Amino acid sequence: MASQPREAEGAREGDRARGLRPVPGGSLRSGPPELDKLIHERLRLAMVSALAVNEALSFGDLKDLVKTTDGNLSVHARKLEDAGYVSCTKGFDGRVPRTEFRLTAAGRKALERYLDHMDAVIRASRQR
């Protein structure tokens, strides 16, 4: 394993001497690792969370659960779909258009990583 430069080593010792503690998954200087900003946005987190506990949701059901407008849901669903976190199936129920959303395996894994990260931050902040 390569040794750390003396300057970085000294900086960490100085931080510890001042009582600074590392953030889970990060360092004293760099802070926490980047959150998945795609999921971190409030509405998209609500959408992914709702889909995580439901096998599938129609456009209307998802819209009602996350309390948003048609336009907002469409924009955020497209971002999640483009990232591969959500699948969208369009069809018809008789003559009525029906859009259905499901959380993909990649979306479930991304949500689990996000929740693990947030859990580590919460645990670390409660240890004080």
N, C-alpha and C. Protein backbone atom coordinates (compact mmCIF):
# COMPACT_ATOMS: atom_id res chain seq x y z
N MET A 1 0.84 -1.17 0.00
CA MET A 1 0.00 0.00 0.00
C MET A 1 0.89 1.23 0.00
N ALA A 2 0.61 2.20 -0.83
CA ALA A 2 1.43 3.41 -0.94
C ALA A 2 1.24 4.26 0.30
N SER A 3 2.31 4.92 0.71
CA SER A 3 2.22 5.77 1.89
C SER A 3 1.62 7.12 1.51
N GLN A 4 0.96 7.75 2.46
CA GLN A 4 0.34 9.05 2.25
C GLN A 4 1.42 10.13 2.30
N PRO A 5 1.28 11.19 1.52
CA PRO A 5 2.22 12.30 1.61
C PRO A 5 2.20 12.89 3.01
N ARG A 6 3.36 13.35 3.47
CA ARG A 6 3.48 13.90 4.82
C ARG A 6 2.51 15.06 5.05
N GLU A 7 2.31 15.89 4.04
CA GLU A 7 1.43 17.04 4.20
C GLU A 7 0.00 16.61 4.52
N ALA A 8 -0.51 15.63 3.77
CA ALA A 8 -1.87 15.15 4.00
C ALA A 8 -1.97 14.47 5.36
N GLU A 9 -0.94 13.73 5.73
CA GLU A 9 -0.91 13.05 7.01
C GLU A 9 -0.96 14.07 8.14
N GLY A 10 -0.17 15.11 8.03
CA GLY A 10 -0.15 16.16 9.03
C GLY A 10 -1.47 16.90 9.12
N ALA A 11 -2.13 17.10 7.98
CA ALA A 11 -3.41 17.79 7.97
C ALA A 11 -4.45 16.97 8.73
N ARG A 12 -4.45 15.66 8.53
CA ARG A 12 -5.41 14.82 9.25
C ARG A 12 -5.14 14.85 10.75
N GLU A 13 -3.87 14.80 11.13
CA GLU A 13 -3.54 14.85 12.56
C GLU A 13 -3.99 16.17 13.17
N GLY A 14 -3.82 17.26 12.43
CA GLY A 14 -4.25 18.57 12.92
C GLY A 14 -5.77 18.62 13.06
N ASP A 15 -6.49 18.03 12.12
CA ASP A 15 -7.95 18.00 12.20
C ASP A 15 -8.40 17.21 13.42
N ARG A 16 -7.76 16.08 13.67
CA ARG A 16 -8.11 15.26 14.83
C ARG A 16 -7.81 15.99 16.12
N ALA A 17 -6.70 16.72 16.14
CA ALA A 17 -6.33 17.48 17.33
C ALA A 17 -7.38 18.55 17.64
N ARG A 18 -8.01 19.09 16.61
CA ARG A 18 -9.05 20.11 16.82
C ARG A 18 -10.40 19.46 17.10
N GLY A 19 -10.46 18.14 17.16
CA GLY A 19 -11.70 17.44 17.47
C GLY A 19 -12.60 17.20 16.27
N LEU A 20 -12.08 17.37 15.05
CA LEU A 20 -12.89 17.11 13.86
C LEU A 20 -12.93 15.61 13.61
N ARG A 21 -14.11 15.13 13.24
CA ARG A 21 -14.27 13.71 12.98
C ARG A 21 -14.58 13.49 11.51
N PRO A 22 -14.11 12.38 10.95
CA PRO A 22 -14.40 12.12 9.53
C PRO A 22 -15.88 11.83 9.33
N VAL A 23 -16.36 12.15 8.15
CA VAL A 23 -17.73 11.84 7.76
C VAL A 23 -17.71 10.42 7.19
N PRO A 24 -18.71 9.60 7.53
CA PRO A 24 -18.72 8.23 7.01
C PRO A 24 -18.56 8.21 5.49
N GLY A 25 -17.61 7.41 5.04
CA GLY A 25 -17.38 7.27 3.61
C GLY A 25 -16.55 8.40 3.02
N GLY A 26 -16.16 9.36 3.81
CA GLY A 26 -15.37 10.48 3.31
C GLY A 26 -14.15 10.68 4.16
N SER A 27 -13.51 11.80 4.01
CA SER A 27 -12.36 12.13 4.84
C SER A 27 -12.64 13.44 5.51
N LEU A 28 -11.76 13.84 6.42
CA LEU A 28 -11.94 15.10 7.11
C LEU A 28 -11.91 16.28 6.15
N ARG A 29 -11.06 16.20 5.15
CA ARG A 29 -10.90 17.31 4.20
C ARG A 29 -11.92 17.26 3.07
N SER A 30 -12.18 16.09 2.54
CA SER A 30 -13.02 16.01 1.35
C SER A 30 -14.51 15.97 1.66
N GLY A 31 -14.88 15.64 2.89
CA GLY A 31 -16.29 15.55 3.23
C GLY A 31 -16.88 14.24 2.74
N PRO A 32 -18.20 14.14 2.79
CA PRO A 32 -18.83 12.88 2.41
C PRO A 32 -18.74 12.65 0.91
N PRO A 33 -18.83 11.39 0.50
CA PRO A 33 -18.86 11.13 -0.93
C PRO A 33 -20.11 11.75 -1.52
N GLU A 34 -20.10 11.96 -2.80
CA GLU A 34 -21.23 12.59 -3.46
C GLU A 34 -22.48 11.72 -3.34
N LEU A 35 -23.57 12.36 -2.97
CA LEU A 35 -24.86 11.69 -3.00
C LEU A 35 -25.28 11.53 -4.45
N ASP A 36 -26.13 10.57 -4.70
CA ASP A 36 -26.71 10.43 -6.03
C ASP A 36 -27.69 11.58 -6.19
N LYS A 37 -27.27 12.64 -6.86
CA LYS A 37 -28.09 13.84 -6.98
C LYS A 37 -29.38 13.58 -7.75
N LEU A 38 -29.37 12.56 -8.57
CA LEU A 38 -30.59 12.22 -9.30
C LEU A 38 -31.68 11.78 -8.34
N ILE A 39 -31.32 10.98 -7.35
CA ILE A 39 -32.30 10.50 -6.37
C ILE A 39 -32.50 11.51 -5.24
N HIS A 40 -31.49 12.28 -4.93
CA HIS A 40 -31.54 13.19 -3.79
C HIS A 40 -32.61 14.28 -3.95
N GLU A 41 -32.96 14.63 -5.16
CA GLU A 41 -33.98 15.66 -5.38
C GLU A 41 -35.30 15.15 -4.79
N ARG A 42 -35.99 16.01 -4.07
CA ARG A 42 -37.16 15.64 -3.27
C ARG A 42 -38.22 14.84 -4.04
N LEU A 43 -38.64 15.32 -5.17
CA LEU A 43 -39.71 14.65 -5.91
C LEU A 43 -39.25 13.30 -6.46
N ARG A 44 -38.01 13.24 -6.98
CA ARG A 44 -37.52 11.97 -7.52
C ARG A 44 -37.32 10.95 -6.40
N LEU A 45 -36.88 11.40 -5.22
CA LEU A 45 -36.74 10.49 -4.08
C LEU A 45 -38.12 9.94 -3.69
N ALA A 46 -39.13 10.79 -3.70
CA ALA A 46 -40.49 10.34 -3.39
C ALA A 46 -40.97 9.32 -4.42
N MET A 47 -40.68 9.58 -5.69
CA MET A 47 -41.11 8.67 -6.75
C MET A 47 -40.44 7.30 -6.61
N VAL A 48 -39.13 7.31 -6.43
CA VAL A 48 -38.38 6.06 -6.31
C VAL A 48 -38.82 5.30 -5.05
N SER A 49 -39.04 6.02 -3.96
CA SER A 49 -39.49 5.38 -2.72
C SER A 49 -40.86 4.75 -2.90
N ALA A 50 -41.77 5.45 -3.55
CA ALA A 50 -43.12 4.91 -3.79
C ALA A 50 -43.04 3.66 -4.66
N LEU A 51 -42.18 3.70 -5.68
CA LEU A 51 -42.05 2.53 -6.55
C LEU A 51 -41.34 1.37 -5.87
N ALA A 52 -40.53 1.67 -4.86
CA ALA A 52 -39.81 0.61 -4.14
C ALA A 52 -40.77 -0.25 -3.31
N VAL A 53 -41.88 0.33 -2.89
CA VAL A 53 -42.82 -0.42 -2.06
C VAL A 53 -44.07 -0.86 -2.82
N ASN A 54 -44.11 -0.55 -4.10
CA ASN A 54 -45.21 -0.98 -4.98
C ASN A 54 -44.60 -1.64 -6.21
N GLU A 55 -45.19 -2.75 -6.63
CA GLU A 55 -44.64 -3.45 -7.80
C GLU A 55 -44.68 -2.56 -9.04
N ALA A 56 -45.77 -1.84 -9.20
CA ALA A 56 -45.93 -0.92 -10.33
C ALA A 56 -46.97 0.12 -9.93
N LEU A 57 -46.87 1.30 -10.51
CA LEU A 57 -47.85 2.36 -10.26
C LEU A 57 -48.22 3.02 -11.58
N SER A 58 -49.50 3.32 -11.72
CA SER A 58 -49.94 4.06 -12.89
C SER A 58 -49.52 5.52 -12.73
N PHE A 59 -49.54 6.24 -13.83
CA PHE A 59 -49.18 7.66 -13.81
C PHE A 59 -50.03 8.39 -12.77
N GLY A 60 -51.33 8.18 -12.80
CA GLY A 60 -52.24 8.87 -11.88
C GLY A 60 -51.99 8.51 -10.43
N ASP A 61 -51.75 7.22 -10.17
CA ASP A 61 -51.49 6.79 -8.79
C ASP A 61 -50.19 7.39 -8.27
N LEU A 62 -49.15 7.36 -9.10
CA LEU A 62 -47.86 7.92 -8.68
C LEU A 62 -47.99 9.43 -8.47
N LYS A 63 -48.69 10.09 -9.36
CA LYS A 63 -48.90 11.54 -9.24
C LYS A 63 -49.61 11.87 -7.92
N ASP A 64 -50.64 11.10 -7.57
CA ASP A 64 -51.37 11.33 -6.32
C ASP A 64 -50.49 11.06 -5.10
N LEU A 65 -49.70 9.99 -5.15
CA LEU A 65 -48.84 9.64 -4.02
C LEU A 65 -47.79 10.71 -3.72
N VAL A 66 -47.18 11.25 -4.76
CA VAL A 66 -46.11 12.23 -4.55
C VAL A 66 -46.62 13.67 -4.59
N LYS A 67 -47.92 13.82 -4.82
CA LYS A 67 -48.57 15.14 -4.79
C LYS A 67 -47.88 16.16 -5.70
N THR A 68 -47.94 15.89 -6.98
CA THR A 68 -47.33 16.79 -7.95
C THR A 68 -48.24 16.96 -9.15
N THR A 69 -47.80 17.74 -10.09
CA THR A 69 -48.58 17.98 -11.31
C THR A 69 -48.18 16.99 -12.40
N ASP A 70 -48.99 16.91 -13.44
CA ASP A 70 -48.68 16.04 -14.58
C ASP A 70 -47.32 16.39 -15.18
N GLY A 71 -47.09 17.68 -15.39
CA GLY A 71 -45.84 18.13 -16.01
C GLY A 71 -44.62 17.79 -15.19
N ASN A 72 -44.68 18.05 -13.88
CA ASN A 72 -43.54 17.73 -13.01
C ASN A 72 -43.26 16.24 -12.99
N LEU A 73 -44.32 15.45 -12.87
CA LEU A 73 -44.13 14.00 -12.85
C LEU A 73 -43.50 13.52 -14.15
N SER A 74 -43.97 14.04 -15.27
CA SER A 74 -43.42 13.63 -16.56
C SER A 74 -41.94 13.95 -16.68
N VAL A 75 -41.55 15.16 -16.29
CA VAL A 75 -40.15 15.59 -16.39
C VAL A 75 -39.26 14.73 -15.51
N HIS A 76 -39.67 14.53 -14.26
CA HIS A 76 -38.83 13.78 -13.32
C HIS A 76 -38.82 12.28 -13.66
N ALA A 77 -39.94 11.77 -14.14
CA ALA A 77 -39.98 10.36 -14.55
C ALA A 77 -39.03 10.13 -15.73
N ARG A 78 -38.98 11.08 -16.64
CA ARG A 78 -38.07 10.95 -17.80
C ARG A 78 -36.62 10.91 -17.34
N LYS A 79 -36.26 11.74 -16.37
CA LYS A 79 -34.88 11.74 -15.87
C LYS A 79 -34.54 10.40 -15.23
N LEU A 80 -35.46 9.87 -14.45
CA LEU A 80 -35.24 8.57 -13.82
C LEU A 80 -35.19 7.45 -14.86
N GLU A 81 -36.01 7.57 -15.87
CA GLU A 81 -36.02 6.57 -16.95
C GLU A 81 -34.72 6.64 -17.74
N ASP A 82 -34.26 7.84 -18.06
CA ASP A 82 -33.00 8.01 -18.80
C ASP A 82 -31.81 7.43 -18.04
N ALA A 83 -31.87 7.50 -16.71
CA ALA A 83 -30.79 6.95 -15.88
C ALA A 83 -30.91 5.43 -15.72
N GLY A 84 -32.02 4.86 -16.16
CA GLY A 84 -32.22 3.42 -16.02
C GLY A 84 -32.76 3.01 -14.67
N TYR A 85 -33.24 3.97 -13.88
CA TYR A 85 -33.76 3.69 -12.54
C TYR A 85 -35.23 3.28 -12.57
N VAL A 86 -35.95 3.73 -13.59
CA VAL A 86 -37.38 3.47 -13.68
C VAL A 86 -37.70 3.01 -15.10
N SER A 87 -38.61 2.06 -15.21
CA SER A 87 -39.09 1.68 -16.55
C SER A 87 -40.51 2.21 -16.70
N CYS A 88 -40.82 2.59 -17.90
CA CYS A 88 -42.12 3.17 -18.21
C CYS A 88 -42.75 2.36 -19.34
N THR A 89 -43.96 1.88 -19.08
CA THR A 89 -44.69 1.11 -20.09
C THR A 89 -45.95 1.88 -20.44
N LYS A 90 -46.13 2.12 -21.74
CA LYS A 90 -47.33 2.84 -22.20
C LYS A 90 -48.21 1.88 -22.99
N GLY A 91 -49.48 1.98 -22.74
CA GLY A 91 -50.43 1.13 -23.45
C GLY A 91 -51.82 1.70 -23.32
N PHE A 92 -52.79 0.86 -23.55
CA PHE A 92 -54.17 1.30 -23.46
C PHE A 92 -54.96 0.33 -22.60
N ASP A 93 -55.88 0.87 -21.83
CA ASP A 93 -56.83 0.09 -21.06
C ASP A 93 -58.18 0.35 -21.74
N GLY A 94 -58.52 -0.49 -22.70
CA GLY A 94 -59.64 -0.18 -23.58
C GLY A 94 -59.18 0.93 -24.52
N ARG A 95 -59.85 2.06 -24.47
CA ARG A 95 -59.46 3.20 -25.30
C ARG A 95 -58.72 4.27 -24.49
N VAL A 96 -58.53 4.01 -23.21
CA VAL A 96 -57.90 4.99 -22.33
C VAL A 96 -56.39 4.72 -22.26
N PRO A 97 -55.57 5.74 -22.55
CA PRO A 97 -54.12 5.55 -22.44
C PRO A 97 -53.73 5.24 -21.00
N ARG A 98 -52.76 4.36 -20.84
CA ARG A 98 -52.29 3.98 -19.50
C ARG A 98 -50.78 3.96 -19.50
N THR A 99 -50.19 4.69 -18.56
CA THR A 99 -48.75 4.70 -18.37
C THR A 99 -48.46 4.08 -17.02
N GLU A 100 -47.54 3.15 -17.00
CA GLU A 100 -47.20 2.44 -15.76
C GLU A 100 -45.70 2.52 -15.52
N PHE A 101 -45.33 2.74 -14.27
CA PHE A 101 -43.93 2.85 -13.88
C PHE A 101 -43.55 1.71 -12.96
N ARG A 102 -42.32 1.25 -13.12
CA ARG A 102 -41.73 0.23 -12.24
C ARG A 102 -40.31 0.64 -11.91
N LEU A 103 -39.86 0.28 -10.72
CA LEU A 103 -38.48 0.51 -10.33
C LEU A 103 -37.63 -0.62 -10.92
N THR A 104 -36.55 -0.28 -11.59
CA THR A 104 -35.67 -1.30 -12.17
C THR A 104 -34.70 -1.82 -11.10
N ALA A 105 -33.98 -2.87 -11.42
CA ALA A 105 -32.96 -3.38 -10.50
C ALA A 105 -31.90 -2.32 -10.22
N ALA A 106 -31.52 -1.58 -11.25
CA ALA A 106 -30.53 -0.50 -11.06
C ALA A 106 -31.09 0.60 -10.16
N GLY A 107 -32.38 0.89 -10.31
CA GLY A 107 -33.02 1.90 -9.47
C GLY A 107 -33.08 1.46 -8.02
N ARG A 108 -33.39 0.18 -7.81
CA ARG A 108 -33.44 -0.35 -6.44
C ARG A 108 -32.05 -0.31 -5.80
N LYS A 109 -31.03 -0.66 -6.56
CA LYS A 109 -29.67 -0.64 -6.04
C LYS A 109 -29.24 0.80 -5.72
N ALA A 110 -29.58 1.74 -6.59
CA ALA A 110 -29.24 3.14 -6.36
C ALA A 110 -29.94 3.66 -5.11
N LEU A 111 -31.19 3.29 -4.91
CA LEU A 111 -31.92 3.71 -3.72
C LEU A 111 -31.30 3.10 -2.47
N GLU A 112 -30.91 1.84 -2.53
CA GLU A 112 -30.26 1.20 -1.37
C GLU A 112 -28.95 1.89 -1.02
N ARG A 113 -28.14 2.24 -2.04
CA ARG A 113 -26.89 2.97 -1.79
C ARG A 113 -27.18 4.32 -1.14
N TYR A 114 -28.18 5.01 -1.66
CA TYR A 114 -28.55 6.32 -1.13
C TYR A 114 -28.99 6.20 0.33
N LEU A 115 -29.84 5.22 0.63
CA LEU A 115 -30.33 5.03 1.99
C LEU A 115 -29.20 4.61 2.94
N ASP A 116 -28.29 3.77 2.47
CA ASP A 116 -27.13 3.38 3.29
C ASP A 116 -26.28 4.60 3.63
N HIS A 117 -26.07 5.45 2.64
CA HIS A 117 -25.27 6.66 2.85
C HIS A 117 -25.95 7.57 3.89
N MET A 118 -27.24 7.80 3.72
CA MET A 118 -27.97 8.66 4.65
C MET A 118 -28.00 8.05 6.04
N ASP A 119 -28.14 6.73 6.12
CA ASP A 119 -28.13 6.04 7.42
C ASP A 119 -26.79 6.24 8.12
N ALA A 120 -25.69 6.14 7.38
CA ALA A 120 -24.36 6.34 7.97
C ALA A 120 -24.19 7.77 8.47
N VAL A 121 -24.68 8.73 7.73
CA VAL A 121 -24.59 10.13 8.17
C VAL A 121 -25.41 10.34 9.44
N ILE A 122 -26.61 9.77 9.49
CA ILE A 122 -27.47 9.90 10.67
C ILE A 122 -26.82 9.26 11.88
N ARG A 123 -26.30 8.03 11.71
CA ARG A 123 -25.64 7.35 12.84
C ARG A 123 -24.46 8.14 13.34
N ALA A 124 -23.66 8.67 12.43
CA ALA A 124 -22.49 9.44 12.83
C ALA A 124 -22.87 10.71 13.58
N SER A 125 -23.93 11.36 13.15
CA SER A 125 -24.33 12.60 13.81
C SER A 125 -24.96 12.34 15.17
N ARG A 126 -25.52 11.16 15.37
CA ARG A 126 -26.12 10.82 16.68
C ARG A 126 -25.07 10.34 17.68
N GLN A 127 -23.88 10.00 17.22
CA GLN A 127 -22.83 9.52 18.12
C GLN A 127 -22.19 10.66 18.89
N ARG A 128 -22.49 11.85 18.55
CA ARG A 128 -21.87 13.02 19.20
C ARG A 128 -22.40 13.16 20.55
